[in-house]
């Protein structure tokens, strides 16, 4: 059996050490005027585009989509240009675990086919929020109620009489919803909503590290779940919040490639 090459082993160790340089996720928000990239460390919002952004979402491949009071767009983060995909007043965008795209506007709830840029109507709900639980269950909210939506039958089952404008799940699977009055923690077992804060919550999102951010008709906040207190970050009428996917660092790929190379070397015969 051939002995392990010390140089190859040392290089693999160096590549593994690079894992600490993981690229950070970027935070994006939309208000009644513009679309911004927001820095939660400095609390500075950088204007990217003059769109009244009401919905932001990333596809599984990292493509950014946004909606305003007029259209649905694909947004190029390199050029900061928005390409119109469909004339829907898009108020909600979400992707299912299998990558299917769903949108809501002021009239209906749709499945959107990115290949043809066509929207198939699923239900006559003025859908303002869409989210998927960790187990893949779909939830939607409109101007009247909060629903569980069955994609197999396209039927919406009412869970609670909340004018749900935002839905999000924490990393541990806890569900949060917002309506025109408060922010709530929602218990799916009992279908009961526990009031956490008197904010007209129109946007909820979790950063990759689990920090919760909310937006209402006045400001953008960081919300402390331990104390249920909201700390104002910026005076933006925040209607949408999203975090870009954290890319897998190149060091990870090199690490596994190195492991395979070492395995090949150690098992190669004279």
C-alpha atoms as a PDB file:
ATOM      1  CA  UNK A   1       0.000   0.000   0.000  1.00  0.00           C
ATOM      2  CA  UNK A   2       1.328   3.436  -0.911  1.00  0.00           C
ATOM      3  CA  UNK A   3       2.023   5.779   2.003  1.00  0.00           C
ATOM      4  CA  UNK A   4       0.061   8.991   2.434  1.00  0.00           C
ATOM      5  CA  UNK A   5       1.577  11.989   0.662  1.00  0.00           C
ATOM      6  CA  UNK A   6       2.334  14.565   3.431  1.00  0.00           C
ATOM      7  CA  UNK A   7       2.067  17.493   0.996  1.00  0.00           C
ATOM      8  CA  UNK A   8      -1.427  16.488  -0.142  1.00  0.00           C
ATOM      9  CA  UNK A   9      -2.507  16.035   3.465  1.00  0.00           C
ATOM     10  CA  UNK A  10      -1.185  19.492   4.410  1.00  0.00           C
ATOM     11  CA  UNK A  11      -2.976  21.154   1.485  1.00  0.00           C
ATOM     12  CA  UNK A  12      -6.249  19.525   2.483  1.00  0.00           C
ATOM     13  CA  UNK A  13      -5.830  20.836   6.019  1.00  0.00           C
ATOM     14  CA  UNK A  14      -5.337  24.364   4.686  1.00  0.00           C
ATOM     15  CA  UNK A  15      -8.445  24.102   2.501  1.00  0.00           C
ATOM     16  CA  UNK A  16     -10.462  22.824   5.428  1.00  0.00           C
ATOM     17  CA  UNK A  17      -9.397  25.838   7.490  1.00  0.00           C
ATOM     18  CA  UNK A  18     -10.989  28.098   4.887  1.00  0.00           C
ATOM     19  CA  UNK A  19     -14.428  26.890   5.999  1.00  0.00           C
ATOM     20  CA  UNK A  20     -14.381  29.634   8.621  1.00  0.00           C
ATOM     21  CA  UNK A  21     -14.694  32.199   5.834  1.00  0.00           C
ATOM     22  CA  UNK A  22     -18.303  31.322   4.989  1.00  0.00           C
ATOM     23  CA  UNK A  23     -20.023  34.051   2.973  1.00  0.00           C
ATOM     24  CA  UNK A  24     -22.708  35.869   4.900  1.00  0.00           C
ATOM     25  CA  UNK A  25     -26.336  36.160   3.858  1.00  0.00           C
ATOM     26  CA  UNK A  26     -27.598  39.538   2.665  1.00  0.00           C
ATOM     27  CA  UNK A  27     -30.795  41.111   4.003  1.00  0.00           C
ATOM     28  CA  UNK A  28     -33.323  42.763   1.693  1.00  0.00           C
ATOM     29  CA  UNK A  29     -36.380  44.840   2.527  1.00  0.00           C
ATOM     30  CA  UNK A  30     -39.141  46.619   0.653  1.00  0.00           C
ATOM     31  CA  UNK A  31     -41.356  49.503   1.684  1.00  0.00           C
ATOM     32  CA  UNK A  32     -43.951  51.668   0.030  1.00  0.00           C
ATOM     33  CA  UNK A  33     -41.332  53.451  -2.034  1.00  0.00           C
ATOM     34  CA  UNK A  34     -38.186  51.437  -2.849  1.00  0.00           C
ATOM     35  CA  UNK A  35     -36.355  48.111  -2.725  1.00  0.00           C
ATOM     36  CA  UNK A  36     -33.285  48.039  -0.463  1.00  0.00           C
ATOM     37  CA  UNK A  37     -30.374  45.973   0.751  1.00  0.00           C
ATOM     38  CA  UNK A  38     -30.275  46.411   4.510  1.00  0.00           C
ATOM     39  CA  UNK A  39     -27.240  46.079   6.741  1.00  0.00           C
ATOM     40  CA  UNK A  40     -28.422  44.980  10.225  1.00  0.00           C
ATOM     41  CA  UNK A  41     -25.015  45.821  11.709  1.00  0.00           C
ATOM     42  CA  UNK A  42     -25.000  49.470  10.641  1.00  0.00           C
ATOM     43  CA  UNK A  43     -28.787  49.743  10.135  1.00  0.00           C
ATOM     44  CA  UNK A  44     -28.194  51.392   6.777  1.00  0.00           C
ATOM     45  CA  UNK A  45     -30.548  50.741   3.843  1.00  0.00           C
ATOM     46  CA  UNK A  46     -29.014  50.986   0.369  1.00  0.00           C
ATOM     47  CA  UNK A  47     -31.540  51.682  -2.392  1.00  0.00           C
ATOM     48  CA  UNK A  48     -31.405  49.103  -5.174  1.00  0.00           C
ATOM     49  CA  UNK A  49     -34.484  49.910  -7.226  1.00  0.00           C
ATOM     50  CA  UNK A  50     -37.458  52.318  -7.249  1.00  0.00           C
ATOM     51  CA  UNK A  51     -40.093  49.612  -6.822  1.00  0.00           C
ATOM     52  CA  UNK A  52     -42.854  49.653  -4.210  1.00  0.00           C
ATOM     53  CA  UNK A  53     -41.697  46.201  -3.087  1.00  0.00           C
ATOM     54  CA  UNK A  54     -44.316  44.132  -1.282  1.00  0.00           C
ATOM     55  CA  UNK A  55     -42.822  40.646  -1.697  1.00  0.00           C
ATOM     56  CA  UNK A  56     -39.308  39.191  -1.929  1.00  0.00           C
ATOM     57  CA  UNK A  57     -38.244  35.561  -2.265  1.00  0.00           C
ATOM     58  CA  UNK A  58     -35.331  33.435  -3.432  1.00  0.00           C
ATOM     59  CA  UNK A  59     -35.714  30.298  -5.496  1.00  0.00           C
ATOM     60  CA  UNK A  60     -33.748  27.180  -4.514  1.00  0.00           C
ATOM     61  CA  UNK A  61     -31.080  28.108  -7.073  1.00  0.00           C
ATOM     62  CA  UNK A  62     -30.678  31.566  -5.514  1.00  0.00           C
ATOM     63  CA  UNK A  63     -32.573  33.603  -8.103  1.00  0.00           C
ATOM     64  CA  UNK A  64     -34.280  36.633  -6.551  1.00  0.00           C
ATOM     65  CA  UNK A  65     -37.907  37.498  -7.252  1.00  0.00           C
ATOM     66  CA  UNK A  66     -39.869  40.522  -6.116  1.00  0.00           C
ATOM     67  CA  UNK A  67     -43.320  41.980  -6.502  1.00  0.00           C
ATOM     68  CA  UNK A  68     -44.754  45.470  -6.274  1.00  0.00           C
ATOM     69  CA  UNK A  69     -48.120  47.037  -6.835  1.00  0.00           C
ATOM     70  CA  UNK A  70     -47.906  46.402 -10.560  1.00  0.00           C
ATOM     71  CA  UNK A  71     -45.857  43.354 -11.594  1.00  0.00           C
ATOM     72  CA  UNK A  72     -43.845  40.270 -10.675  1.00  0.00           C
ATOM     73  CA  UNK A  73     -40.120  40.608 -11.419  1.00  0.00           C
ATOM     74  CA  UNK A  74     -36.901  38.669 -11.519  1.00  0.00           C
ATOM     75  CA  UNK A  75     -34.233  40.845  -9.933  1.00  0.00           C
ATOM     76  CA  UNK A  76     -30.606  40.708 -11.023  1.00  0.00           C
ATOM     77  CA  UNK A  77     -28.438  41.363  -7.968  1.00  0.00           C
ATOM     78  CA  UNK A  78     -25.396  42.107 -10.127  1.00  0.00           C
ATOM     79  CA  UNK A  79     -26.963  44.864 -12.230  1.00  0.00           C
ATOM     80  CA  UNK A  80     -29.846  45.787  -9.880  1.00  0.00           C
ATOM     81  CA  UNK A  81     -32.243  45.494 -12.792  1.00  0.00           C
ATOM     82  CA  UNK A  82     -35.761  44.117 -12.531  1.00  0.00           C
ATOM     83  CA  UNK A  83     -37.121  42.079 -15.442  1.00  0.00           C
ATOM     84  CA  UNK A  84     -40.917  41.970 -15.663  1.00  0.00           C
ATOM     85  CA  UNK A  85     -42.293  38.431 -15.696  1.00  0.00           C
ATOM     86  CA  UNK A  86     -46.029  38.909 -15.267  1.00  0.00           C
ATOM     87  CA  UNK A  87     -48.560  41.747 -14.754  1.00  0.00           C
ATOM     88  CA  UNK A  88     -49.705  40.620 -11.306  1.00  0.00           C
ATOM     89  CA  UNK A  89     -49.923  42.950  -8.331  1.00  0.00           C
ATOM     90  CA  UNK A  90     -47.703  40.488  -6.458  1.00  0.00           C
ATOM     91  CA  UNK A  91     -48.075  40.673  -2.676  1.00  0.00           C
ATOM     92  CA  UNK A  92     -46.649  37.259  -1.789  1.00  0.00           C
ATOM     93  CA  UNK A  93     -44.061  34.878  -3.261  1.00  0.00           C
ATOM     94  CA  UNK A  94     -42.906  31.498  -1.935  1.00  0.00           C
ATOM     95  CA  UNK A  95     -41.253  28.305  -3.123  1.00  0.00           C
ATOM     96  CA  UNK A  96     -42.325  24.841  -2.069  1.00  0.00           C
ATOM     97  CA  UNK A  97     -39.704  22.294  -0.974  1.00  0.00           C
ATOM     98  CA  UNK A  98     -39.713  20.849  -4.499  1.00  0.00           C
ATOM     99  CA  UNK A  99     -39.039  24.292  -6.010  1.00  0.00           C
ATOM    100  CA  UNK A 100     -42.530  25.093  -7.297  1.00  0.00           C
ATOM    101  CA  UNK A 101     -43.209  28.832  -7.290  1.00  0.00           C
ATOM    102  CA  UNK A 102     -46.403  30.329  -5.849  1.00  0.00           C
ATOM    103  CA  UNK A 103     -47.595  33.926  -5.880  1.00  0.00           C
ATOM    104  CA  UNK A 104     -50.537  35.906  -4.575  1.00  0.00           C
ATOM    105  CA  UNK A 105     -52.011  39.190  -5.726  1.00  0.00           C
ATOM    106  CA  UNK A 106     -55.032  41.281  -4.888  1.00  0.00           C
ATOM    107  CA  UNK A 107     -57.360  38.782  -6.544  1.00  0.00           C
ATOM    108  CA  UNK A 108     -56.177  35.155  -6.516  1.00  0.00           C
ATOM    109  CA  UNK A 109     -53.622  32.581  -5.437  1.00  0.00           C
ATOM    110  CA  UNK A 110     -51.494  31.128  -8.258  1.00  0.00           C
ATOM    111  CA  UNK A 111     -48.882  28.575  -9.192  1.00  0.00           C
ATOM    112  CA  UNK A 112     -46.347  30.349 -11.366  1.00  0.00           C
ATOM    113  CA  UNK A 113     -44.465  28.537 -14.127  1.00  0.00           C
ATOM    114  CA  UNK A 114     -41.097  30.207 -14.543  1.00  0.00           C
ATOM    115  CA  UNK A 115     -40.442  28.386 -17.826  1.00  0.00           C
ATOM    116  CA  UNK A 116     -43.439  29.997 -19.527  1.00  0.00           C
ATOM    117  CA  UNK A 117     -44.032  32.933 -17.144  1.00  0.00           C
ATOM    118  CA  UNK A 118     -47.664  31.867 -16.853  1.00  0.00           C
ATOM    119  CA  UNK A 119     -49.791  31.886 -13.703  1.00  0.00           C
ATOM    120  CA  UNK A 120     -52.330  29.131 -13.051  1.00  0.00           C
ATOM    121  CA  UNK A 121     -55.140  30.154 -10.688  1.00  0.00           C
ATOM    122  CA  UNK A 122     -55.463  27.793  -7.722  1.00  0.00           C
ATOM    123  CA  UNK A 123     -57.922  29.607  -5.497  1.00  0.00           C
ATOM    124  CA  UNK A 124     -59.907  32.895  -5.378  1.00  0.00           C
ATOM    125  CA  UNK A 125     -58.123  34.210  -2.274  1.00  0.00           C
ATOM    126  CA  UNK A 126     -56.637  37.691  -2.068  1.00  0.00           C
ATOM    127  CA  UNK A 127     -53.377  36.065  -0.988  1.00  0.00           C
ATOM    128  CA  UNK A 128     -51.067  38.348   0.983  1.00  0.00           C
ATOM    129  CA  UNK A 129     -48.854  35.707   2.604  1.00  0.00           C
ATOM    130  CA  UNK A 130     -47.559  32.252   1.661  1.00  0.00           C
ATOM    131  CA  UNK A 131     -45.263  29.965   3.625  1.00  0.00           C
ATOM    132  CA  UNK A 132     -44.274  26.325   3.936  1.00  0.00           C
ATOM    133  CA  UNK A 133     -43.711  24.587   7.257  1.00  0.00           C
ATOM    134  CA  UNK A 134     -40.630  22.401   7.731  1.00  0.00           C
ATOM    135  CA  UNK A 135     -42.751  19.346   6.876  1.00  0.00           C
ATOM    136  CA  UNK A 136     -43.884  20.944   3.599  1.00  0.00           C
ATOM    137  CA  UNK A 137     -47.409  21.972   4.627  1.00  0.00           C
ATOM    138  CA  UNK A 138     -48.582  25.094   2.794  1.00  0.00           C
ATOM    139  CA  UNK A 139     -50.174  28.044   4.579  1.00  0.00           C
ATOM    140  CA  UNK A 140     -51.693  31.185   3.101  1.00  0.00           C
ATOM    141  CA  UNK A 141     -53.298  34.334   4.400  1.00  0.00           C
ATOM    142  CA  UNK A 142     -55.689  36.789   2.815  1.00  0.00           C
ATOM    143  CA  UNK A 143     -57.657  39.811   3.883  1.00  0.00           C
ATOM    144  CA  UNK A 144     -60.024  37.685   5.948  1.00  0.00           C
ATOM    145  CA  UNK A 145     -58.512  34.486   7.393  1.00  0.00           C
ATOM    146  CA  UNK A 146     -55.490  32.271   7.898  1.00  0.00           C
ATOM    147  CA  UNK A 147     -55.583  28.955   6.022  1.00  0.00           C
ATOM    148  CA  UNK A 148     -53.884  25.637   5.457  1.00  0.00           C
ATOM    149  CA  UNK A 149     -53.870  25.013   1.725  1.00  0.00           C
ATOM    150  CA  UNK A 150     -54.042  21.520   0.236  1.00  0.00           C
ATOM    151  CA  UNK A 151     -52.281  21.559  -3.120  1.00  0.00           C
ATOM    152  CA  UNK A 152     -53.702  18.154  -4.065  1.00  0.00           C
ATOM    153  CA  UNK A 153     -57.283  19.433  -3.912  1.00  0.00           C
ATOM    154  CA  UNK A 154     -56.663  23.210  -4.086  1.00  0.00           C
ATOM    155  CA  UNK A 155     -58.829  23.647  -1.020  1.00  0.00           C
ATOM    156  CA  UNK A 156     -58.162  26.128   1.762  1.00  0.00           C
ATOM    157  CA  UNK A 157     -59.069  25.101   5.314  1.00  0.00           C
ATOM    158  CA  UNK A 158     -59.664  28.027   7.653  1.00  0.00           C
ATOM    159  CA  UNK A 159     -57.483  27.871  10.766  1.00  0.00           C
ATOM    160  CA  UNK A 160     -58.085  31.258  12.328  1.00  0.00           C
ATOM    161  CA  UNK A 161     -60.000  34.504  11.624  1.00  0.00           C
ATOM    162  CA  UNK A 162     -56.881  36.651  11.289  1.00  0.00           C
ATOM    163  CA  UNK A 163     -56.302  39.017   8.386  1.00  0.00           C
ATOM    164  CA  UNK A 164     -52.938  37.330   7.864  1.00  0.00           C
ATOM    165  CA  UNK A 165     -50.384  39.447   6.033  1.00  0.00           C
ATOM    166  CA  UNK A 166     -47.222  37.612   7.088  1.00  0.00           C
ATOM    167  CA  UNK A 167     -46.278  34.008   7.915  1.00  0.00           C
ATOM    168  CA  UNK A 168     -42.874  32.646   8.892  1.00  0.00           C
ATOM    169  CA  UNK A 169     -41.291  29.674  10.642  1.00  0.00           C
ATOM    170  CA  UNK A 170     -38.389  29.910  13.054  1.00  0.00           C
ATOM    171  CA  UNK A 171     -35.458  27.490  12.675  1.00  0.00           C
ATOM    172  CA  UNK A 172     -37.038  25.273  15.356  1.00  0.00           C
ATOM    173  CA  UNK A 173     -40.333  25.137  13.437  1.00  0.00           C
ATOM    174  CA  UNK A 174     -42.349  27.601  15.524  1.00  0.00           C
ATOM    175  CA  UNK A 175     -44.948  29.423  13.446  1.00  0.00           C
ATOM    176  CA  UNK A 176     -45.429  33.200  13.547  1.00  0.00           C
ATOM    177  CA  UNK A 177     -48.121  35.233  11.830  1.00  0.00           C
ATOM    178  CA  UNK A 178     -48.957  38.902  11.563  1.00  0.00           C
ATOM    179  CA  UNK A 179     -52.202  40.680  10.781  1.00  0.00           C
ATOM    180  CA  UNK A 180     -53.374  44.265  10.747  1.00  0.00           C
ATOM    181  CA  UNK A 181     -53.220  44.436  14.529  1.00  0.00           C
ATOM    182  CA  UNK A 182     -50.572  42.236  16.171  1.00  0.00           C
ATOM    183  CA  UNK A 183     -47.682  39.779  15.890  1.00  0.00           C
ATOM    184  CA  UNK A 184     -48.600  36.274  17.052  1.00  0.00           C
ATOM    185  CA  UNK A 185     -47.117  32.883  17.756  1.00  0.00           C
ATOM    186  CA  UNK A 186     -49.476  30.355  16.218  1.00  0.00           C
ATOM    187  CA  UNK A 187     -49.998  26.893  17.687  1.00  0.00           C
ATOM    188  CA  UNK A 188     -50.926  24.507  14.891  1.00  0.00           C
ATOM    189  CA  UNK A 189     -52.044  21.812  17.326  1.00  0.00           C
ATOM    190  CA  UNK A 190     -54.763  23.993  18.829  1.00  0.00           C
ATOM    191  CA  UNK A 191     -55.057  26.595  16.039  1.00  0.00           C
ATOM    192  CA  UNK A 192     -54.693  29.315  18.650  1.00  0.00           C
ATOM    193  CA  UNK A 193     -52.751  32.555  18.260  1.00  0.00           C
ATOM    194  CA  UNK A 194     -50.829  34.010  21.208  1.00  0.00           C
ATOM    195  CA  UNK A 195     -50.269  37.763  20.964  1.00  0.00           C
ATOM    196  CA  UNK A 196     -46.593  38.706  21.241  1.00  0.00           C
ATOM    197  CA  UNK A 197     -46.573  42.374  20.325  1.00  0.00           C
ATOM    198  CA  UNK A 198     -49.033  45.112  19.248  1.00  0.00           C
ATOM    199  CA  UNK A 199     -47.419  45.734  15.862  1.00  0.00           C
ATOM    200  CA  UNK A 200     -49.365  45.814  12.614  1.00  0.00           C
ATOM    201  CA  UNK A 201     -47.033  43.088  11.328  1.00  0.00           C
ATOM    202  CA  UNK A 202     -46.841  42.946   7.551  1.00  0.00           C
ATOM    203  CA  UNK A 203     -43.505  41.147   7.202  1.00  0.00           C
ATOM    204  CA  UNK A 204     -41.666  38.500   9.228  1.00  0.00           C
ATOM    205  CA  UNK A 205     -38.349  36.843   8.455  1.00  0.00           C
ATOM    206  CA  UNK A 206     -35.602  34.932  10.211  1.00  0.00           C
ATOM    207  CA  UNK A 207     -31.930  35.488   9.516  1.00  0.00           C
ATOM    208  CA  UNK A 208     -29.697  32.429   9.078  1.00  0.00           C
ATOM    209  CA  UNK A 209     -28.634  32.749  12.736  1.00  0.00           C
ATOM    210  CA  UNK A 210     -32.266  32.694  13.900  1.00  0.00           C
ATOM    211  CA  UNK A 211     -32.762  36.399  14.610  1.00  0.00           C
ATOM    212  CA  UNK A 212     -36.344  37.479  13.953  1.00  0.00           C
ATOM    213  CA  UNK A 213     -37.135  40.672  12.045  1.00  0.00           C
ATOM    214  CA  UNK A 214     -40.564  42.215  11.558  1.00  0.00           C
ATOM    215  CA  UNK A 215     -41.994  45.153   9.668  1.00  0.00           C
ATOM    216  CA  UNK A 216     -45.158  47.146  10.185  1.00  0.00           C
ATOM    217  CA  UNK A 217     -46.650  50.281   8.690  1.00  0.00           C
ATOM    218  CA  UNK A 218     -44.045  52.436  10.395  1.00  0.00           C
ATOM    219  CA  UNK A 219     -40.651  50.776  10.966  1.00  0.00           C
ATOM    220  CA  UNK A 220     -38.340  47.783  10.589  1.00  0.00           C
ATOM    221  CA  UNK A 221     -37.627  45.999  13.874  1.00  0.00           C
ATOM    222  CA  UNK A 222     -35.485  43.299  15.388  1.00  0.00           C
ATOM    223  CA  UNK A 223     -37.749  41.273  17.662  1.00  0.00           C
ATOM    224  CA  UNK A 224     -36.482  39.651  20.843  1.00  0.00           C
ATOM    225  CA  UNK A 225     -38.538  36.511  21.450  1.00  0.00           C
ATOM    226  CA  UNK A 226     -37.213  36.154  24.992  1.00  0.00           C
ATOM    227  CA  UNK A 227     -38.658  39.512  26.073  1.00  0.00           C
ATOM    228  CA  UNK A 228     -41.188  40.059  23.241  1.00  0.00           C
ATOM    229  CA  UNK A 229     -39.748  43.504  22.688  1.00  0.00           C
ATOM    230  CA  UNK A 230     -39.199  45.115  19.300  1.00  0.00           C
ATOM    231  CA  UNK A 231     -36.105  47.249  18.741  1.00  0.00           C
ATOM    232  CA  UNK A 232     -36.476  49.818  15.967  1.00  0.00           C
ATOM    233  CA  UNK A 233     -33.774  49.499  13.312  1.00  0.00           C
ATOM    234  CA  UNK A 234     -34.962  51.827  10.584  1.00  0.00           C
ATOM    235  CA  UNK A 235     -37.924  54.135   9.797  1.00  0.00           C
ATOM    236  CA  UNK A 236     -39.063  52.170   6.760  1.00  0.00           C
ATOM    237  CA  UNK A 237     -42.688  51.121   6.242  1.00  0.00           C
ATOM    238  CA  UNK A 238     -41.425  47.555   5.792  1.00  0.00           C
ATOM    239  CA  UNK A 239     -43.731  45.351   3.728  1.00  0.00           C
ATOM    240  CA  UNK A 240     -41.252  42.609   2.814  1.00  0.00           C
ATOM    241  CA  UNK A 241     -38.104  41.086   4.318  1.00  0.00           C
ATOM    242  CA  UNK A 242     -35.904  38.313   2.946  1.00  0.00           C
ATOM    243  CA  UNK A 243     -32.425  36.882   3.350  1.00  0.00           C
ATOM    244  CA  UNK A 244     -30.392  35.569   0.470  1.00  0.00           C
ATOM    245  CA  UNK A 245     -29.312  31.931   0.676  1.00  0.00           C
ATOM    246  CA  UNK A 246     -25.929  31.363   2.294  1.00  0.00           C
ATOM    247  CA  UNK A 247     -23.731  29.947  -0.481  1.00  0.00           C
ATOM    248  CA  UNK A 248     -21.760  26.789   0.153  1.00  0.00           C
ATOM    249  CA  UNK A 249     -18.145  27.995   0.390  1.00  0.00           C
ATOM    250  CA  UNK A 250     -15.649  26.681  -2.150  1.00  0.00           C
ATOM    251  CA  UNK A 251     -13.599  25.265   0.738  1.00  0.00           C
ATOM    252  CA  UNK A 252     -16.347  22.728   1.403  1.00  0.00           C
ATOM    253  CA  UNK A 253     -16.103  21.407  -2.145  1.00  0.00           C
ATOM    254  CA  UNK A 254     -12.303  21.337  -1.970  1.00  0.00           C
ATOM    255  CA  UNK A 255     -12.482  19.558   1.358  1.00  0.00           C
ATOM    256  CA  UNK A 256     -14.554  16.703   0.011  1.00  0.00           C
ATOM    257  CA  UNK A 257     -12.479  16.560  -3.153  1.00  0.00           C
ATOM    258  CA  UNK A 258      -9.402  16.308  -0.954  1.00  0.00           C
ATOM    259  CA  UNK A 259     -10.936  13.512   1.086  1.00  0.00           C
ATOM    260  CA  UNK A 260     -11.688  11.578  -2.094  1.00  0.00           C
ATOM    261  CA  UNK A 261      -8.144  12.156  -3.340  1.00  0.00           C
ATOM    262  CA  UNK A 262      -6.658  10.954  -0.074  1.00  0.00           C
ATOM    263  CA  UNK A 263      -8.870   7.896  -0.147  1.00  0.00           C
ATOM    264  CA  UNK A 264      -7.736   7.173  -3.678  1.00  0.00           C
ATOM    265  CA  UNK A 265      -4.077   7.542  -2.736  1.00  0.00           C
ATOM    266  CA  UNK A 266      -4.325   5.417   0.395  1.00  0.00           C
ATOM    267  CA  UNK A 267      -6.039   2.564  -1.411  1.00  0.00           C
ATOM    268  CA  UNK A 268      -3.946   2.585  -4.574  1.00  0.00           C
ATOM    269  CA  UNK A 269      -1.616  -0.372  -4.878  1.00  0.00           C
ATOM    270  CA  UNK A 270       1.933  -0.390  -6.127  1.00  0.00           C
END
